[in-house]
Amino acid sequence: MEWIERKKKIEEVNMLSPLVWAYIGDSVFEMFIRVNLVNHSNAKPHKLHKQSIHYVKAQAQAEMLKKIQDSLTPKEQEIVRRGRNVQNHHVAKNANVAEYAQSTAFEALIGYLYLTKQDERLKEILENSIQTIEKTKFEKLQ
């Protein structure tokens, strides 16, 4: 999304609340999932929406983070820790508090990477996350 100008310097992004990172990360992740589904399906919008929920729900994001945690750099682990520990007075209706904290941490990481223009690393993490959830889905069918 090169046409969306990201003006903040890394120092400024570092000063933002992890909830701001998660706010951006939520939309970046949702866009990634939706484009991915459209690229790999001829489904109608309602079915695409139902498929996207499988990926963007808090439980799935928490699982994705758990699976990629070991591959994160120390800086990325710090971002995740800050995102997980931030005070958030909202919990998704279909998630427990721990899952919601983990999903917020995942979204914070995505948002941070996006805002700091680490596009190659962002792409790598997003693709690994998709593969992780697909593998988990396949394992559950076995």
N, C-alpha and C. Protein backbone atom coordinates (compact mmCIF):
# COMPACT_ATOMS: atom_id res chain seq x y z
N MET A 1 0.83 -1.18 0.00
CA MET A 1 0.00 0.00 0.00
C MET A 1 0.88 1.24 0.00
N GLU A 2 1.67 1.34 -1.01
CA GLU A 2 2.60 2.46 -1.11
C GLU A 2 1.89 3.80 -1.23
N TRP A 3 0.66 3.80 -1.70
CA TRP A 3 -0.05 5.05 -1.89
C TRP A 3 -0.55 5.63 -0.58
N ILE A 4 -0.49 4.85 0.51
CA ILE A 4 -0.84 5.38 1.82
C ILE A 4 0.46 5.84 2.47
N GLU A 5 0.59 7.14 2.64
CA GLU A 5 1.83 7.70 3.15
C GLU A 5 1.95 7.50 4.66
N ARG A 6 3.05 6.91 5.07
CA ARG A 6 3.35 6.71 6.48
C ARG A 6 4.40 7.75 6.86
N LYS A 7 3.97 8.80 7.54
CA LYS A 7 4.80 9.97 7.78
C LYS A 7 5.62 9.92 9.06
N LYS A 8 5.22 9.14 10.02
CA LYS A 8 5.90 9.16 11.31
C LYS A 8 7.28 8.53 11.24
N LYS A 9 8.21 9.14 11.95
CA LYS A 9 9.56 8.58 12.06
C LYS A 9 9.52 7.45 13.09
N ILE A 10 10.52 6.58 13.03
CA ILE A 10 10.57 5.44 13.95
C ILE A 10 10.49 5.90 15.41
N GLU A 11 11.17 6.98 15.73
CA GLU A 11 11.15 7.50 17.10
C GLU A 11 9.72 7.88 17.52
N GLU A 12 8.98 8.45 16.58
CA GLU A 12 7.59 8.83 16.88
C GLU A 12 6.70 7.59 17.03
N VAL A 13 6.92 6.60 16.18
CA VAL A 13 6.14 5.36 16.27
C VAL A 13 6.42 4.67 17.60
N ASN A 14 7.68 4.69 18.04
CA ASN A 14 8.04 4.08 19.32
C ASN A 14 7.33 4.73 20.50
N MET A 15 6.94 5.97 20.36
CA MET A 15 6.27 6.70 21.44
C MET A 15 4.75 6.49 21.46
N LEU A 16 4.22 5.89 20.42
CA LEU A 16 2.77 5.64 20.36
C LEU A 16 2.38 4.53 21.34
N SER A 17 1.15 4.57 21.76
CA SER A 17 0.62 3.50 22.60
C SER A 17 0.55 2.20 21.79
N PRO A 18 0.82 1.07 22.42
CA PRO A 18 0.64 -0.21 21.74
C PRO A 18 -0.79 -0.40 21.22
N LEU A 19 -1.75 0.27 21.84
CA LEU A 19 -3.13 0.18 21.34
C LEU A 19 -3.27 0.88 19.99
N VAL A 20 -2.46 1.90 19.74
CA VAL A 20 -2.46 2.55 18.43
C VAL A 20 -1.84 1.61 17.41
N TRP A 21 -0.76 0.94 17.78
CA TRP A 21 -0.17 -0.04 16.87
C TRP A 21 -1.20 -1.12 16.53
N ALA A 22 -1.92 -1.59 17.57
CA ALA A 22 -2.92 -2.63 17.36
C ALA A 22 -4.08 -2.13 16.49
N TYR A 23 -4.45 -0.89 16.67
CA TYR A 23 -5.52 -0.27 15.86
C TYR A 23 -5.16 -0.34 14.38
N ILE A 24 -3.92 0.04 14.05
CA ILE A 24 -3.46 -0.02 12.66
C ILE A 24 -3.27 -1.47 12.23
N GLY A 25 -2.68 -2.26 13.12
CA GLY A 25 -2.41 -3.67 12.80
C GLY A 25 -3.68 -4.44 12.49
N ASP A 26 -4.75 -4.14 13.19
CA ASP A 26 -6.04 -4.79 12.94
C ASP A 26 -6.48 -4.57 11.49
N SER A 27 -6.39 -3.33 11.03
CA SER A 27 -6.84 -3.04 9.67
C SER A 27 -5.87 -3.59 8.62
N VAL A 28 -4.57 -3.54 8.89
CA VAL A 28 -3.59 -4.10 7.95
C VAL A 28 -3.81 -5.61 7.82
N PHE A 29 -3.98 -6.28 8.95
CA PHE A 29 -4.18 -7.73 8.93
C PHE A 29 -5.49 -8.09 8.21
N GLU A 30 -6.54 -7.36 8.52
CA GLU A 30 -7.84 -7.61 7.87
C GLU A 30 -7.72 -7.43 6.35
N MET A 31 -7.05 -6.38 5.92
CA MET A 31 -6.86 -6.13 4.49
C MET A 31 -6.05 -7.27 3.85
N PHE A 32 -4.99 -7.69 4.54
CA PHE A 32 -4.17 -8.80 4.03
C PHE A 32 -5.03 -10.06 3.85
N ILE A 33 -5.82 -10.39 4.85
CA ILE A 33 -6.67 -11.59 4.80
C ILE A 33 -7.69 -11.46 3.67
N ARG A 34 -8.36 -10.33 3.58
CA ARG A 34 -9.38 -10.16 2.55
C ARG A 34 -8.80 -10.25 1.14
N VAL A 35 -7.68 -9.60 0.91
CA VAL A 35 -7.04 -9.66 -0.41
C VAL A 35 -6.60 -11.10 -0.70
N ASN A 36 -6.04 -11.76 0.30
CA ASN A 36 -5.61 -13.15 0.13
C ASN A 36 -6.79 -14.04 -0.25
N LEU A 37 -7.91 -13.88 0.42
CA LEU A 37 -9.10 -14.68 0.12
C LEU A 37 -9.63 -14.40 -1.29
N VAL A 38 -9.67 -13.13 -1.66
CA VAL A 38 -10.14 -12.77 -3.00
C VAL A 38 -9.21 -13.34 -4.07
N ASN A 39 -7.91 -13.31 -3.80
CA ASN A 39 -6.94 -13.85 -4.75
C ASN A 39 -7.04 -15.36 -4.94
N HIS A 40 -7.56 -16.05 -3.93
CA HIS A 40 -7.58 -17.51 -3.98
C HIS A 40 -8.99 -18.10 -4.00
N SER A 41 -9.98 -17.28 -4.31
CA SER A 41 -11.35 -17.76 -4.27
C SER A 41 -12.23 -16.96 -5.24
N ASN A 42 -13.28 -17.60 -5.70
CA ASN A 42 -14.28 -16.91 -6.50
C ASN A 42 -15.58 -16.77 -5.71
N ALA A 43 -15.48 -16.87 -4.40
CA ALA A 43 -16.65 -16.84 -3.54
C ALA A 43 -17.30 -15.46 -3.55
N LYS A 44 -18.57 -15.46 -3.18
CA LYS A 44 -19.33 -14.21 -3.07
C LYS A 44 -18.96 -13.52 -1.75
N PRO A 45 -19.25 -12.22 -1.65
CA PRO A 45 -18.84 -11.45 -0.47
C PRO A 45 -19.25 -12.05 0.88
N HIS A 46 -20.46 -12.59 0.98
CA HIS A 46 -20.90 -13.15 2.27
C HIS A 46 -20.01 -14.33 2.67
N LYS A 47 -19.69 -15.19 1.72
CA LYS A 47 -18.83 -16.34 2.02
C LYS A 47 -17.41 -15.87 2.32
N LEU A 48 -16.93 -14.88 1.59
CA LEU A 48 -15.60 -14.33 1.86
C LEU A 48 -15.54 -13.78 3.30
N HIS A 49 -16.61 -13.10 3.70
CA HIS A 49 -16.66 -12.55 5.05
C HIS A 49 -16.60 -13.67 6.09
N LYS A 50 -17.36 -14.71 5.87
CA LYS A 50 -17.37 -15.84 6.82
C LYS A 50 -16.00 -16.50 6.87
N GLN A 51 -15.33 -16.61 5.73
CA GLN A 51 -13.99 -17.20 5.71
C GLN A 51 -13.00 -16.29 6.43
N SER A 52 -13.13 -14.99 6.26
CA SER A 52 -12.17 -14.07 6.88
C SER A 52 -12.27 -14.11 8.40
N ILE A 53 -13.44 -14.32 8.92
CA ILE A 53 -13.64 -14.39 10.37
C ILE A 53 -12.75 -15.47 10.98
N HIS A 54 -12.57 -16.56 10.26
CA HIS A 54 -11.74 -17.67 10.74
C HIS A 54 -10.33 -17.20 11.06
N TYR A 55 -9.84 -16.21 10.33
CA TYR A 55 -8.47 -15.71 10.50
C TYR A 55 -8.36 -14.52 11.45
N VAL A 56 -9.35 -13.65 11.43
CA VAL A 56 -9.21 -12.39 12.16
C VAL A 56 -9.77 -12.45 13.59
N LYS A 57 -10.42 -13.53 13.95
CA LYS A 57 -10.93 -13.61 15.32
C LYS A 57 -9.77 -13.70 16.31
N ALA A 58 -10.03 -13.26 17.54
CA ALA A 58 -8.99 -13.18 18.56
C ALA A 58 -8.33 -14.53 18.81
N GLN A 59 -9.10 -15.58 18.85
CA GLN A 59 -8.57 -16.92 19.11
C GLN A 59 -7.55 -17.31 18.03
N ALA A 60 -7.86 -17.05 16.77
CA ALA A 60 -6.95 -17.39 15.68
C ALA A 60 -5.68 -16.55 15.74
N GLN A 61 -5.82 -15.27 16.02
CA GLN A 61 -4.64 -14.40 16.11
C GLN A 61 -3.75 -14.82 17.28
N ALA A 62 -4.35 -15.19 18.39
CA ALA A 62 -3.57 -15.66 19.54
C ALA A 62 -2.79 -16.92 19.16
N GLU A 63 -3.43 -17.81 18.45
CA GLU A 63 -2.77 -19.04 17.99
C GLU A 63 -1.63 -18.72 17.02
N MET A 64 -1.86 -17.80 16.11
CA MET A 64 -0.81 -17.40 15.17
C MET A 64 0.40 -16.86 15.91
N LEU A 65 0.15 -16.00 16.88
CA LEU A 65 1.26 -15.42 17.63
C LEU A 65 2.04 -16.50 18.37
N LYS A 66 1.33 -17.42 18.96
CA LYS A 66 1.98 -18.52 19.69
C LYS A 66 2.90 -19.32 18.77
N LYS A 67 2.45 -19.55 17.55
CA LYS A 67 3.22 -20.37 16.61
C LYS A 67 4.44 -19.64 16.04
N ILE A 68 4.37 -18.32 15.91
CA ILE A 68 5.50 -17.58 15.32
C ILE A 68 6.42 -16.96 16.36
N GLN A 69 6.04 -17.04 17.63
CA GLN A 69 6.76 -16.38 18.72
C GLN A 69 8.27 -16.64 18.68
N ASP A 70 8.68 -17.87 18.46
CA ASP A 70 10.10 -18.22 18.48
C ASP A 70 10.89 -17.62 17.32
N SER A 71 10.20 -17.23 16.26
CA SER A 71 10.89 -16.67 15.09
C SER A 71 11.02 -15.15 15.15
N LEU A 72 10.51 -14.55 16.21
CA LEU A 72 10.55 -13.08 16.33
C LEU A 72 11.89 -12.60 16.85
N THR A 73 12.29 -11.44 16.38
CA THR A 73 13.52 -10.81 16.87
C THR A 73 13.29 -10.29 18.29
N PRO A 74 14.35 -9.99 19.02
CA PRO A 74 14.16 -9.40 20.36
C PRO A 74 13.31 -8.13 20.34
N LYS A 75 13.50 -7.27 19.36
CA LYS A 75 12.70 -6.04 19.26
C LYS A 75 11.23 -6.39 19.03
N GLU A 76 10.96 -7.35 18.15
CA GLU A 76 9.58 -7.76 17.89
C GLU A 76 8.96 -8.39 19.13
N GLN A 77 9.74 -9.15 19.89
CA GLN A 77 9.23 -9.74 21.14
C GLN A 77 8.89 -8.65 22.15
N GLU A 78 9.68 -7.57 22.15
CA GLU A 78 9.39 -6.44 23.03
C GLU A 78 8.06 -5.78 22.62
N ILE A 79 7.86 -5.61 21.33
CA ILE A 79 6.61 -5.02 20.82
C ILE A 79 5.42 -5.90 21.24
N VAL A 80 5.58 -7.20 21.09
CA VAL A 80 4.52 -8.15 21.48
C VAL A 80 4.24 -8.05 22.97
N ARG A 81 5.30 -8.00 23.78
CA ARG A 81 5.13 -7.89 25.23
C ARG A 81 4.37 -6.61 25.60
N ARG A 82 4.76 -5.51 24.98
CA ARG A 82 4.08 -4.25 25.25
C ARG A 82 2.62 -4.30 24.82
N GLY A 83 2.36 -4.91 23.66
CA GLY A 83 0.99 -5.04 23.18
C GLY A 83 0.14 -5.93 24.06
N ARG A 84 0.73 -6.99 24.58
CA ARG A 84 0.01 -7.93 25.44
C ARG A 84 -0.30 -7.32 26.80
N ASN A 85 0.62 -6.49 27.31
CA ASN A 85 0.48 -5.97 28.67
C ASN A 85 -0.26 -4.65 28.78
N VAL A 86 -0.60 -4.05 27.64
CA VAL A 86 -1.29 -2.76 27.69
C VAL A 86 -2.69 -2.93 28.29
N GLN A 87 -3.11 -1.92 29.06
CA GLN A 87 -4.45 -1.95 29.64
C GLN A 87 -5.49 -1.72 28.56
N ASN A 88 -6.35 -2.67 28.37
CA ASN A 88 -7.41 -2.56 27.38
C ASN A 88 -8.71 -2.92 28.07
N HIS A 89 -9.68 -2.06 28.01
CA HIS A 89 -10.93 -2.30 28.73
C HIS A 89 -12.01 -2.91 27.85
N HIS A 90 -11.56 -3.56 26.80
CA HIS A 90 -12.50 -4.19 25.87
C HIS A 90 -12.06 -5.63 25.66
N VAL A 91 -13.02 -6.53 25.60
CA VAL A 91 -12.73 -7.93 25.29
C VAL A 91 -13.74 -8.37 24.24
N ALA A 92 -13.24 -9.05 23.20
CA ALA A 92 -14.12 -9.53 22.15
C ALA A 92 -15.14 -10.51 22.73
N LYS A 93 -16.31 -10.56 22.13
CA LYS A 93 -17.38 -11.39 22.69
C LYS A 93 -17.08 -12.88 22.62
N ASN A 94 -16.25 -13.30 21.68
CA ASN A 94 -15.97 -14.73 21.54
C ASN A 94 -14.56 -15.11 21.97
N ALA A 95 -13.97 -14.33 22.87
CA ALA A 95 -12.60 -14.61 23.31
C ALA A 95 -12.50 -14.40 24.82
N ASN A 96 -11.59 -15.15 25.41
CA ASN A 96 -11.32 -14.90 26.83
C ASN A 96 -10.27 -13.80 26.94
N VAL A 97 -10.00 -13.36 28.16
CA VAL A 97 -9.09 -12.24 28.38
C VAL A 97 -7.68 -12.56 27.86
N ALA A 98 -7.20 -13.76 28.09
CA ALA A 98 -5.85 -14.14 27.65
C ALA A 98 -5.74 -14.14 26.13
N GLU A 99 -6.74 -14.71 25.46
CA GLU A 99 -6.73 -14.71 23.99
C GLU A 99 -6.78 -13.29 23.44
N TYR A 100 -7.59 -12.47 24.07
CA TYR A 100 -7.71 -11.09 23.59
C TYR A 100 -6.41 -10.33 23.78
N ALA A 101 -5.73 -10.56 24.89
CA ALA A 101 -4.43 -9.91 25.12
C ALA A 101 -3.42 -10.37 24.07
N GLN A 102 -3.42 -11.66 23.76
CA GLN A 102 -2.51 -12.19 22.75
C GLN A 102 -2.84 -11.64 21.36
N SER A 103 -4.12 -11.54 21.04
CA SER A 103 -4.50 -11.02 19.73
C SER A 103 -4.15 -9.53 19.62
N THR A 104 -4.29 -8.79 20.71
CA THR A 104 -3.89 -7.39 20.72
C THR A 104 -2.38 -7.29 20.49
N ALA A 105 -1.62 -8.18 21.11
CA ALA A 105 -0.17 -8.21 20.92
C ALA A 105 0.19 -8.50 19.47
N PHE A 106 -0.52 -9.45 18.86
CA PHE A 106 -0.29 -9.79 17.45
C PHE A 106 -0.57 -8.58 16.57
N GLU A 107 -1.71 -7.94 16.79
CA GLU A 107 -2.08 -6.76 16.00
C GLU A 107 -1.10 -5.61 16.23
N ALA A 108 -0.61 -5.47 17.46
CA ALA A 108 0.38 -4.42 17.76
C ALA A 108 1.65 -4.65 16.94
N LEU A 109 2.08 -5.91 16.86
CA LEU A 109 3.27 -6.23 16.07
C LEU A 109 3.06 -5.88 14.61
N ILE A 110 1.91 -6.27 14.07
CA ILE A 110 1.60 -5.99 12.67
C ILE A 110 1.58 -4.48 12.43
N GLY A 111 0.91 -3.76 13.31
CA GLY A 111 0.83 -2.30 13.18
C GLY A 111 2.18 -1.63 13.30
N TYR A 112 2.98 -2.09 14.24
CA TYR A 112 4.32 -1.50 14.44
C TYR A 112 5.17 -1.70 13.18
N LEU A 113 5.18 -2.92 12.67
CA LEU A 113 5.98 -3.19 11.47
C LEU A 113 5.49 -2.35 10.29
N TYR A 114 4.18 -2.20 10.18
CA TYR A 114 3.62 -1.39 9.10
C TYR A 114 4.03 0.08 9.25
N LEU A 115 3.84 0.63 10.44
CA LEU A 115 4.13 2.05 10.66
C LEU A 115 5.61 2.38 10.54
N THR A 116 6.47 1.41 10.84
CA THR A 116 7.91 1.64 10.73
C THR A 116 8.45 1.21 9.36
N LYS A 117 7.55 0.93 8.45
CA LYS A 117 7.88 0.62 7.05
C LYS A 117 8.79 -0.59 6.88
N GLN A 118 8.63 -1.56 7.76
CA GLN A 118 9.38 -2.81 7.66
C GLN A 118 8.57 -3.80 6.82
N ASP A 119 8.34 -3.43 5.58
CA ASP A 119 7.39 -4.14 4.73
C ASP A 119 7.79 -5.59 4.42
N GLU A 120 9.07 -5.84 4.21
CA GLU A 120 9.50 -7.22 3.92
C GLU A 120 9.26 -8.13 5.12
N ARG A 121 9.61 -7.63 6.31
CA ARG A 121 9.40 -8.42 7.52
C ARG A 121 7.90 -8.59 7.79
N LEU A 122 7.14 -7.55 7.57
CA LEU A 122 5.69 -7.61 7.73
C LEU A 122 5.11 -8.69 6.82
N LYS A 123 5.51 -8.68 5.57
CA LYS A 123 5.02 -9.67 4.61
C LYS A 123 5.39 -11.09 5.07
N GLU A 124 6.61 -11.25 5.53
CA GLU A 124 7.07 -12.56 5.99
C GLU A 124 6.22 -13.06 7.17
N ILE A 125 5.97 -12.19 8.13
CA ILE A 125 5.17 -12.57 9.30
C ILE A 125 3.72 -12.86 8.91
N LEU A 126 3.15 -12.04 8.04
CA LEU A 126 1.78 -12.26 7.61
C LEU A 126 1.65 -13.59 6.87
N GLU A 127 2.58 -13.87 5.97
CA GLU A 127 2.53 -15.14 5.23
C GLU A 127 2.74 -16.33 6.16
N ASN A 128 3.67 -16.22 7.11
CA ASN A 128 3.87 -17.30 8.08
C ASN A 128 2.63 -17.52 8.93
N SER A 129 1.96 -16.44 9.28
CA SER A 129 0.75 -16.54 10.09
C SER A 129 -0.35 -17.28 9.35
N ILE A 130 -0.52 -16.96 8.08
CA ILE A 130 -1.53 -17.64 7.26
C ILE A 130 -1.20 -19.13 7.16
N GLN A 131 0.06 -19.45 6.89
CA GLN A 131 0.46 -20.85 6.79
C GLN A 131 0.23 -21.58 8.11
N THR A 132 0.49 -20.91 9.21
CA THR A 132 0.30 -21.51 10.53
C THR A 132 -1.16 -21.86 10.76
N ILE A 133 -2.06 -20.93 10.47
CA ILE A 133 -3.47 -21.19 10.72
C ILE A 133 -4.01 -22.24 9.76
N GLU A 134 -3.52 -22.24 8.52
CA GLU A 134 -3.93 -23.26 7.56
C GLU A 134 -3.47 -24.65 8.03
N LYS A 135 -2.25 -24.74 8.51
CA LYS A 135 -1.71 -26.01 9.00
C LYS A 135 -2.51 -26.48 10.20
N THR A 136 -2.83 -25.55 11.12
CA THR A 136 -3.61 -25.90 12.30
C THR A 136 -4.99 -26.41 11.90
N LYS A 137 -5.59 -25.73 10.93
CA LYS A 137 -6.91 -26.13 10.44
C LYS A 137 -6.85 -27.55 9.85
N PHE A 138 -5.80 -27.83 9.07
CA PHE A 138 -5.61 -29.14 8.46
C PHE A 138 -5.40 -30.21 9.53
N GLU A 139 -4.59 -29.91 10.56
CA GLU A 139 -4.30 -30.87 11.63
C GLU A 139 -5.57 -31.22 12.39
N LYS A 140 -6.48 -30.27 12.56
CA LYS A 140 -7.72 -30.53 13.26
C LYS A 140 -8.61 -31.48 12.48
N LEU A 141 -8.46 -31.49 11.16
CA LEU A 141 -9.27 -32.38 10.31
C LEU A 141 -8.78 -33.83 10.38
N GLN A 142 -7.53 -34.01 10.78
CA GLN A 142 -6.92 -35.35 10.82
C GLN A 142 -7.48 -36.18 11.96
